[in-house]
Amino acid sequence: MSGTEHLTVRREGATLVLTLNRPDARNALSLPMLVGLYDGWLEADADDDVRSIVLTGAGGSFCAGMDLKALAGNGMLGEHYRDRLKADPDLHWKAMLRHHRPRKPVVAAVEGYCVAGGTEILQGTDIRIAGESATFGLFEVRRGLFPIGGSTVRLQRQIPRTHALEMLLTGRPYSAQEAAGIGLIGHVVPDGTALRKALEIAEQINACGPLAVEAVKASVYETAQMTETDGLAAELVRGWPVFDTADAKEGARAFAEKRPPVYKRA
């Protein structure tokens, strides 16, 4: 498995767990973290035994955004990864899910701070759980910056525009309860249990047909900006082939025989 000094990777059954691991800086984004993230997304997509991904943070925080000390000119940790950026100048955007979408479902488990770049990465995930003391927000305008990780485009498509604009233009913090109320996250759980809940949801996903899961995820995103007519047509193109798979036949047999299905991605 891949990983760097600021991003750990481990397996929990069929789930790949990526952990932002710079707790002394509330997991502020660093070059080693970005490299590790992108490698993690690629590893999950390349391994057919991985059926879901959980993204979380170490030390009681998710991600406090970009390392502002580095942005101010004090240098970025992990200079030995500069060759990766030179080879792929888009790597940081892919790592932050701005220019890359994993084909496997991504479940975010948030504790503590999930602000600025943390909230921007969050918008690239599919299912989101937060501890009750978690804090969200896009603080960029308060610092004279622009949330260029995709938030001015994505946020208004994920929550009502009035809430998106308030979050973007005030730069104020949001509690987990308020974030759930506007639809930014799906579950609020007791502090310290977000990862457990995320793994439970991931396990439910893992028990489903992997080809069907990936096709459903792809269809949702592909059709999001289409007209209903175009979207329904695209759904047929994406969905019909799933019915001809061995996994579909196995699902039907397992249901008839009242047993758990054994899917083989075929």
Protein backbone atom coordinates (compact mmCIF):
# COMPACT_ATOMS: atom_id res chain seq x y z
CA MET A 1 0.00 0.00 0.00
CA SER A 2 1.05 3.56 -0.62
CA GLY A 3 1.28 6.38 1.92
CA THR A 4 3.55 9.22 2.98
CA GLU A 5 4.64 10.84 6.22
CA HIS A 6 1.41 12.88 6.23
CA LEU A 7 -1.03 10.34 4.77
CA THR A 8 -1.51 6.80 6.07
CA VAL A 9 -3.22 3.99 4.21
CA ARG A 10 -4.69 0.82 5.66
CA ARG A 11 -7.27 -1.80 4.77
CA GLU A 12 -10.42 -2.60 6.70
CA GLY A 13 -11.80 -5.57 4.79
CA ALA A 14 -12.81 -4.25 1.38
CA THR A 15 -12.45 -0.62 2.48
CA LEU A 16 -9.33 1.46 1.95
CA VAL A 17 -8.92 3.95 4.81
CA LEU A 18 -6.98 7.11 4.00
CA THR A 19 -5.99 9.15 7.06
CA LEU A 20 -4.73 12.72 6.88
CA ASN A 21 -1.88 12.45 9.35
CA ARG A 22 -0.48 15.78 10.45
CA PRO A 23 -2.30 16.21 13.75
CA ASP A 24 0.09 18.85 15.15
CA ALA A 25 -1.15 21.18 12.38
CA ARG A 26 -4.79 20.03 12.44
CA ASN A 27 -3.97 18.12 9.27
CA ALA A 28 -3.33 21.25 7.23
CA LEU A 29 -2.55 20.32 3.64
CA SER A 30 1.11 19.66 2.85
CA LEU A 31 2.84 18.35 -0.23
CA PRO A 32 3.37 14.88 1.30
CA MET A 33 -0.32 14.79 2.20
CA LEU A 34 -1.42 15.74 -1.31
CA VAL A 35 0.89 13.19 -2.93
CA GLY A 36 -0.36 10.50 -0.55
CA LEU A 37 -3.99 11.40 -1.19
CA TYR A 38 -3.68 11.18 -4.95
CA ASP A 39 -1.78 7.90 -4.74
CA GLY A 40 -4.51 6.59 -2.43
CA TRP A 41 -7.29 7.43 -4.88
CA LEU A 42 -5.37 5.68 -7.65
CA GLU A 43 -4.64 2.65 -5.49
CA ALA A 44 -8.32 2.23 -4.64
CA ASP A 45 -9.37 2.46 -8.28
CA ALA A 46 -6.71 -0.02 -9.42
CA ASP A 47 -7.50 -2.69 -6.81
CA ASP A 48 -10.69 -4.62 -7.55
CA ASP A 49 -10.68 -5.97 -4.00
CA VAL A 50 -11.28 -2.43 -2.74
CA ARG A 51 -14.97 -1.58 -2.90
CA SER A 52 -15.09 1.66 -0.91
CA ILE A 53 -12.86 4.37 0.51
CA VAL A 54 -13.06 6.12 3.88
CA LEU A 55 -11.30 9.47 4.26
CA THR A 56 -10.60 10.72 7.78
CA GLY A 57 -8.09 12.70 9.84
CA ALA A 58 -5.79 11.86 12.73
CA GLY A 59 -5.70 13.55 16.13
CA GLY A 60 -9.28 14.74 16.34
CA SER A 61 -9.32 16.96 13.24
CA PHE A 62 -10.21 16.35 9.62
CA CYS A 63 -8.36 19.12 7.76
CA ALA A 64 -7.78 22.79 8.57
CA GLY A 65 -7.06 23.72 4.94
CA MET A 66 -3.88 24.80 3.23
CA ASP A 67 -0.68 25.37 5.19
CA LEU A 68 -0.83 29.18 5.33
CA LYS A 69 2.77 29.43 6.54
CA ALA A 70 3.84 27.83 3.30
CA LEU A 71 1.54 30.09 1.31
CA ALA A 72 3.16 33.10 2.99
CA GLY A 73 6.52 32.01 1.63
CA ASN A 74 7.99 29.98 4.46
CA GLY A 75 8.41 26.86 2.37
CA MET A 76 6.35 23.73 1.91
CA LEU A 77 7.13 20.54 3.77
CA GLY A 78 8.14 17.60 1.64
CA GLU A 79 10.37 19.25 -0.92
CA HIS A 80 11.52 15.77 -1.98
CA TYR A 81 8.09 15.35 -3.62
CA ARG A 82 8.64 18.30 -5.95
CA ASP A 83 9.46 15.91 -8.79
CA ARG A 84 5.90 14.56 -8.58
CA LEU A 85 4.49 18.06 -9.03
CA LYS A 86 6.81 18.75 -11.94
CA ALA A 87 5.72 15.54 -13.61
CA ASP A 88 2.03 16.26 -12.97
CA PRO A 89 1.31 19.97 -12.29
CA ASP A 90 -2.35 19.03 -11.73
CA LEU A 91 -1.56 16.57 -8.92
CA HIS A 92 -2.73 18.81 -6.07
CA TRP A 93 -6.14 19.35 -7.69
CA LYS A 94 -6.52 15.63 -8.28
CA ALA A 95 -5.59 14.95 -4.67
CA MET A 96 -8.25 17.40 -3.48
CA LEU A 97 -10.86 15.72 -5.72
CA ARG A 98 -11.21 18.86 -7.85
CA HIS A 99 -9.93 17.21 -11.02
CA HIS A 100 -10.34 13.55 -10.13
CA ARG A 101 -13.32 11.43 -9.10
CA PRO A 102 -12.60 7.95 -7.74
CA ARG A 103 -14.86 5.29 -9.23
CA LYS A 104 -15.29 3.73 -5.78
CA PRO A 105 -17.61 5.47 -3.25
CA VAL A 106 -15.80 7.82 -0.84
CA VAL A 107 -17.15 8.19 2.71
CA ALA A 108 -15.82 11.10 4.78
CA ALA A 109 -15.45 10.69 8.56
CA VAL A 110 -15.05 14.15 10.07
CA GLU A 111 -13.98 15.07 13.59
CA GLY A 112 -12.92 18.54 14.72
CA TYR A 113 -11.90 21.09 12.12
CA CYS A 114 -12.99 20.62 8.51
CA VAL A 115 -12.52 24.14 7.20
CA ALA A 116 -11.21 25.98 4.13
CA GLY A 117 -9.47 23.32 2.02
CA GLY A 118 -10.95 20.68 4.30
CA THR A 119 -14.48 21.73 3.38
CA GLU A 120 -13.40 21.86 -0.26
CA ILE A 121 -12.12 18.27 -0.21
CA LEU A 122 -15.31 17.28 1.58
CA GLN A 123 -17.35 18.42 -1.41
CA GLY A 124 -15.58 15.81 -3.54
CA THR A 125 -16.69 12.96 -1.27
CA ASP A 126 -19.93 11.02 -1.68
CA ILE A 127 -21.21 10.33 1.85
CA ARG A 128 -20.33 12.44 4.90
CA ILE A 129 -20.42 11.78 8.63
CA ALA A 130 -19.33 14.20 11.35
CA GLY A 131 -18.81 14.17 15.07
CA GLU A 132 -21.12 16.56 16.89
CA SER A 133 -18.31 19.01 17.75
CA ALA A 134 -16.99 19.23 14.18
CA THR A 135 -16.58 22.67 12.60
CA PHE A 136 -17.04 23.48 8.91
CA GLY A 137 -16.56 26.61 6.85
CA LEU A 138 -14.90 28.30 3.92
CA PHE A 139 -12.74 30.94 5.60
CA GLU A 140 -10.90 32.13 2.48
CA VAL A 141 -12.63 35.51 2.05
CA ARG A 142 -11.75 36.46 5.64
CA ARG A 143 -8.10 36.15 4.65
CA GLY A 144 -8.46 37.90 1.31
CA LEU A 145 -8.31 34.60 -0.56
CA PHE A 146 -10.51 32.71 -3.03
CA PRO A 147 -11.81 29.17 -2.35
CA ILE A 148 -10.35 27.87 -5.58
CA GLY A 149 -10.71 24.19 -4.72
CA GLY A 150 -14.07 24.13 -6.48
CA SER A 151 -16.43 25.56 -3.87
CA THR A 152 -17.92 28.41 -5.92
CA VAL A 153 -19.02 25.79 -8.44
CA ARG A 154 -19.82 22.72 -6.36
CA LEU A 155 -21.31 24.09 -3.18
CA GLN A 156 -24.36 25.66 -4.85
CA ARG A 157 -25.04 22.30 -6.52
CA GLN A 158 -24.91 20.42 -3.23
CA ILE A 159 -26.82 22.74 -0.91
CA PRO A 160 -29.36 25.54 -1.56
CA ARG A 161 -27.73 28.56 -3.18
CA THR A 162 -28.67 30.94 -0.36
CA HIS A 163 -26.76 28.75 2.10
CA ALA A 164 -23.87 28.30 -0.31
CA LEU A 165 -23.50 32.05 -0.77
CA GLU A 166 -23.72 32.72 2.95
CA MET A 167 -20.97 30.19 3.64
CA LEU A 168 -18.80 31.52 0.82
CA LEU A 169 -19.29 35.24 1.46
CA THR A 170 -19.21 35.40 5.27
CA GLY A 171 -16.39 32.94 5.89
CA ARG A 172 -18.00 32.05 9.21
CA PRO A 173 -17.78 28.69 10.98
CA TYR A 174 -20.65 26.20 10.89
CA SER A 175 -21.40 23.59 13.54
CA ALA A 176 -22.03 19.98 12.58
CA GLN A 177 -25.71 20.42 13.35
CA GLU A 178 -25.96 23.46 11.08
CA ALA A 179 -23.97 21.72 8.33
CA ALA A 180 -26.39 18.80 8.50
CA GLY A 181 -29.36 21.16 8.46
CA ILE A 182 -28.30 22.70 5.14
CA GLY A 183 -27.40 19.32 3.65
CA LEU A 184 -23.60 19.57 3.60
CA ILE A 185 -23.26 16.39 5.68
CA GLY A 186 -25.57 13.44 6.12
CA HIS A 187 -24.99 12.21 9.69
CA VAL A 188 -24.05 13.79 13.02
CA VAL A 189 -22.76 11.27 15.56
CA PRO A 190 -21.18 11.46 19.02
CA ASP A 191 -17.63 12.78 19.02
CA GLY A 192 -15.06 10.10 18.37
CA THR A 193 -17.45 7.80 16.49
CA ALA A 194 -17.45 9.30 12.98
CA LEU A 195 -14.93 6.78 11.68
CA ARG A 196 -16.88 3.88 13.15
CA LYS A 197 -20.07 5.10 11.47
CA ALA A 198 -18.24 5.66 8.18
CA LEU A 199 -16.88 2.11 8.26
CA GLU A 200 -20.36 0.76 8.97
CA ILE A 201 -21.73 2.55 5.90
CA ALA A 202 -18.75 1.43 3.84
CA GLU A 203 -19.40 -2.16 4.88
CA GLN A 204 -23.00 -1.86 3.70
CA ILE A 205 -21.69 -0.63 0.35
CA ASN A 206 -19.14 -3.44 0.22
CA ALA A 207 -21.91 -6.02 0.58
CA CYS A 208 -23.54 -4.79 -2.65
CA GLY A 209 -22.63 -5.66 -6.21
CA PRO A 210 -19.44 -3.70 -6.98
CA LEU A 211 -20.20 -3.25 -10.67
CA ALA A 212 -23.67 -1.99 -9.82
CA VAL A 213 -22.32 0.37 -7.14
CA GLU A 214 -19.75 1.90 -9.49
CA ALA A 215 -22.29 2.26 -12.30
CA VAL A 216 -24.81 3.94 -9.99
CA LYS A 217 -22.21 6.41 -8.72
CA ALA A 218 -21.06 7.20 -12.24
CA SER A 219 -24.63 7.71 -13.42
CA VAL A 220 -25.49 10.11 -10.60
CA TYR A 221 -22.55 12.37 -11.44
CA GLU A 222 -22.83 12.06 -15.20
CA THR A 223 -26.48 13.08 -15.25
CA ALA A 224 -26.35 15.79 -12.57
CA GLN A 225 -26.36 18.70 -15.02
CA MET A 226 -28.36 17.07 -17.81
CA THR A 227 -31.98 17.68 -18.64
CA GLU A 228 -34.28 14.95 -17.33
CA THR A 229 -34.71 13.55 -20.85
CA ASP A 230 -30.97 13.42 -21.52
CA GLY A 231 -30.29 12.07 -18.06
CA LEU A 232 -32.77 9.22 -18.42
CA ALA A 233 -31.24 8.28 -21.77
CA ALA A 234 -27.74 8.31 -20.26
CA GLU A 235 -28.95 6.22 -17.34
CA LEU A 236 -30.06 3.45 -19.71
CA VAL A 237 -26.65 3.44 -21.40
CA ARG A 238 -24.92 3.15 -18.04
CA GLY A 239 -27.42 0.83 -16.35
CA TRP A 240 -28.55 -1.80 -18.86
CA PRO A 241 -25.14 -3.53 -19.15
CA VAL A 242 -25.19 -4.22 -15.41
CA PHE A 243 -28.15 -6.58 -15.89
CA ASP A 244 -26.02 -8.81 -18.15
CA THR A 245 -23.25 -9.35 -15.60
CA ALA A 246 -22.55 -12.49 -13.63
CA ASP A 247 -22.86 -10.37 -10.50
CA ALA A 248 -26.47 -9.53 -11.38
CA LYS A 249 -27.28 -13.21 -11.82
CA GLU A 250 -25.54 -14.02 -8.54
CA GLY A 251 -27.57 -11.34 -6.77
CA ALA A 252 -30.81 -12.84 -8.06
CA ARG A 253 -29.78 -16.39 -7.09
CA ALA A 254 -28.70 -15.30 -3.63
CA PHE A 255 -32.00 -13.52 -3.07
CA ALA A 256 -33.96 -16.60 -4.15
CA GLU A 257 -31.83 -18.87 -1.99
CA LYS A 258 -31.96 -16.48 0.97
CA ARG A 259 -28.17 -16.28 1.37
CA PRO A 260 -25.53 -13.54 1.16
CA PRO A 261 -24.36 -13.00 -2.42
CA VAL A 262 -20.76 -13.62 -3.45
CA TYR A 263 -19.85 -11.05 -6.05
CA LYS A 264 -16.83 -11.45 -8.32
CA ARG A 265 -16.93 -8.28 -10.43
CA ALA A 266 -17.95 -10.24 -13.49
